Amino acid sequence: MPTKQLLLRLPEELVGKFRGTVPQRQRSAFVGNLLEQALAAWADDDTDPLYLTALAVEQDHRLASETTDWQEATIADGLKEAPTH
């Protein structure tokens, strides 16, 4: 895969820890892996397993009805209204 050089400005202390921890020939791969993970978490795509599960639950009418029943039954469970002065 073709590569490109990227200039980043980071705090000196962080750079020192990075250089002291990650071997010189492994730094680009290390940063690349971190970026891939972080960008995947920010991605706005429909492949996240948790999103797909929530979507499936929302689209299942039986589960949606059951969820509504539970919400109505527990919405104020254990909560007391604040006294008015």
Protein backbone atom coordinates (compact mmCIF):
# COMPACT_ATOMS: atom_id res chain seq x y z
CA MET A 1 0.00 0.00 0.00
CA PRO A 2 1.38 3.42 -0.88
CA THR A 3 2.26 5.65 2.04
CA LYS A 4 2.38 9.38 2.70
CA GLN A 5 4.37 11.33 5.21
CA LEU A 6 2.41 13.25 7.86
CA LEU A 7 3.72 15.98 10.13
CA LEU A 8 2.14 16.11 13.58
CA ARG A 9 2.79 18.42 16.50
CA LEU A 10 2.48 16.73 19.87
CA PRO A 11 3.46 17.66 23.43
CA GLU A 12 7.15 16.93 24.16
CA GLU A 13 6.28 14.67 27.09
CA LEU A 14 4.01 12.53 24.92
CA VAL A 15 6.63 12.28 22.18
CA GLY A 16 9.21 11.22 24.78
CA LYS A 17 6.94 8.46 26.08
CA PHE A 18 6.15 7.36 22.53
CA ARG A 19 9.82 7.18 21.52
CA GLY A 20 10.73 5.44 24.78
CA THR A 21 8.01 2.83 24.40
CA VAL A 22 7.59 2.05 20.70
CA PRO A 23 10.68 0.84 18.83
CA GLN A 24 11.85 3.12 16.01
CA ARG A 25 10.98 0.80 13.11
CA GLN A 26 7.49 0.11 14.49
CA ARG A 27 6.26 3.68 15.09
CA SER A 28 4.48 4.26 11.78
CA ALA A 29 2.58 0.97 12.07
CA PHE A 30 1.75 1.78 15.71
CA VAL A 31 0.30 5.20 14.84
CA GLY A 32 -1.47 3.75 11.80
CA ASN A 33 -3.18 1.10 13.94
CA LEU A 34 -4.23 3.71 16.50
CA LEU A 35 -5.67 5.92 13.77
CA GLU A 36 -7.58 3.03 12.19
CA GLN A 37 -9.13 2.12 15.56
CA ALA A 38 -9.99 5.71 16.46
CA LEU A 39 -11.41 6.51 13.03
CA ALA A 40 -13.52 3.34 13.06
CA ALA A 41 -15.07 4.51 16.33
CA TRP A 42 -15.86 7.89 14.70
CA ALA A 43 -17.13 6.35 11.49
CA ASP A 44 -20.67 7.14 10.54
CA ASP A 45 -21.31 3.85 8.81
CA ASP A 46 -23.87 1.15 9.38
CA THR A 47 -21.43 -1.69 10.12
CA ASP A 48 -21.08 -1.24 13.90
CA PRO A 49 -22.40 -4.46 15.51
CA LEU A 50 -23.93 -2.60 18.47
CA TYR A 51 -25.75 -0.21 16.12
CA LEU A 52 -27.02 -3.09 14.00
CA THR A 53 -28.30 -4.89 17.10
CA ALA A 54 -30.10 -1.79 18.36
CA LEU A 55 -31.59 -1.26 14.91
CA ALA A 56 -32.83 -4.85 14.78
CA VAL A 57 -34.46 -4.47 18.20
CA GLU A 58 -36.15 -1.24 17.12
CA GLN A 59 -37.49 -2.89 13.98
CA ASP A 60 -38.84 -5.94 15.83
CA HIS A 61 -42.41 -4.91 16.76
CA ARG A 62 -42.72 -7.52 19.51
CA LEU A 63 -39.48 -6.40 21.18
CA ALA A 64 -40.32 -2.73 20.70
CA SER A 65 -43.69 -3.27 22.40
CA GLU A 66 -42.06 -5.15 25.27
CA THR A 67 -39.44 -2.41 25.66
CA THR A 68 -42.19 0.22 25.80
CA ASP A 69 -44.01 -1.81 28.49
CA TRP A 70 -40.81 -2.01 30.56
CA GLN A 71 -40.11 1.70 30.15
CA GLU A 72 -43.62 2.61 31.27
CA ALA A 73 -43.40 0.27 34.27
CA THR A 74 -39.99 1.47 35.42
CA ILE A 75 -39.80 5.09 34.33
CA ALA A 76 -40.08 6.44 37.89
CA ASP A 77 -38.93 3.33 39.69
CA GLY A 78 -37.10 4.43 42.82
CA LEU A 79 -37.33 8.11 41.99
CA LYS A 80 -39.12 10.60 44.15
CA GLU A 81 -40.29 14.00 43.07
CA ALA A 82 -38.26 16.86 44.48
CA PRO A 83 -40.10 18.81 47.15
CA THR A 84 -41.44 22.13 46.00
CA HIS A 85 -40.87 25.16 48.21
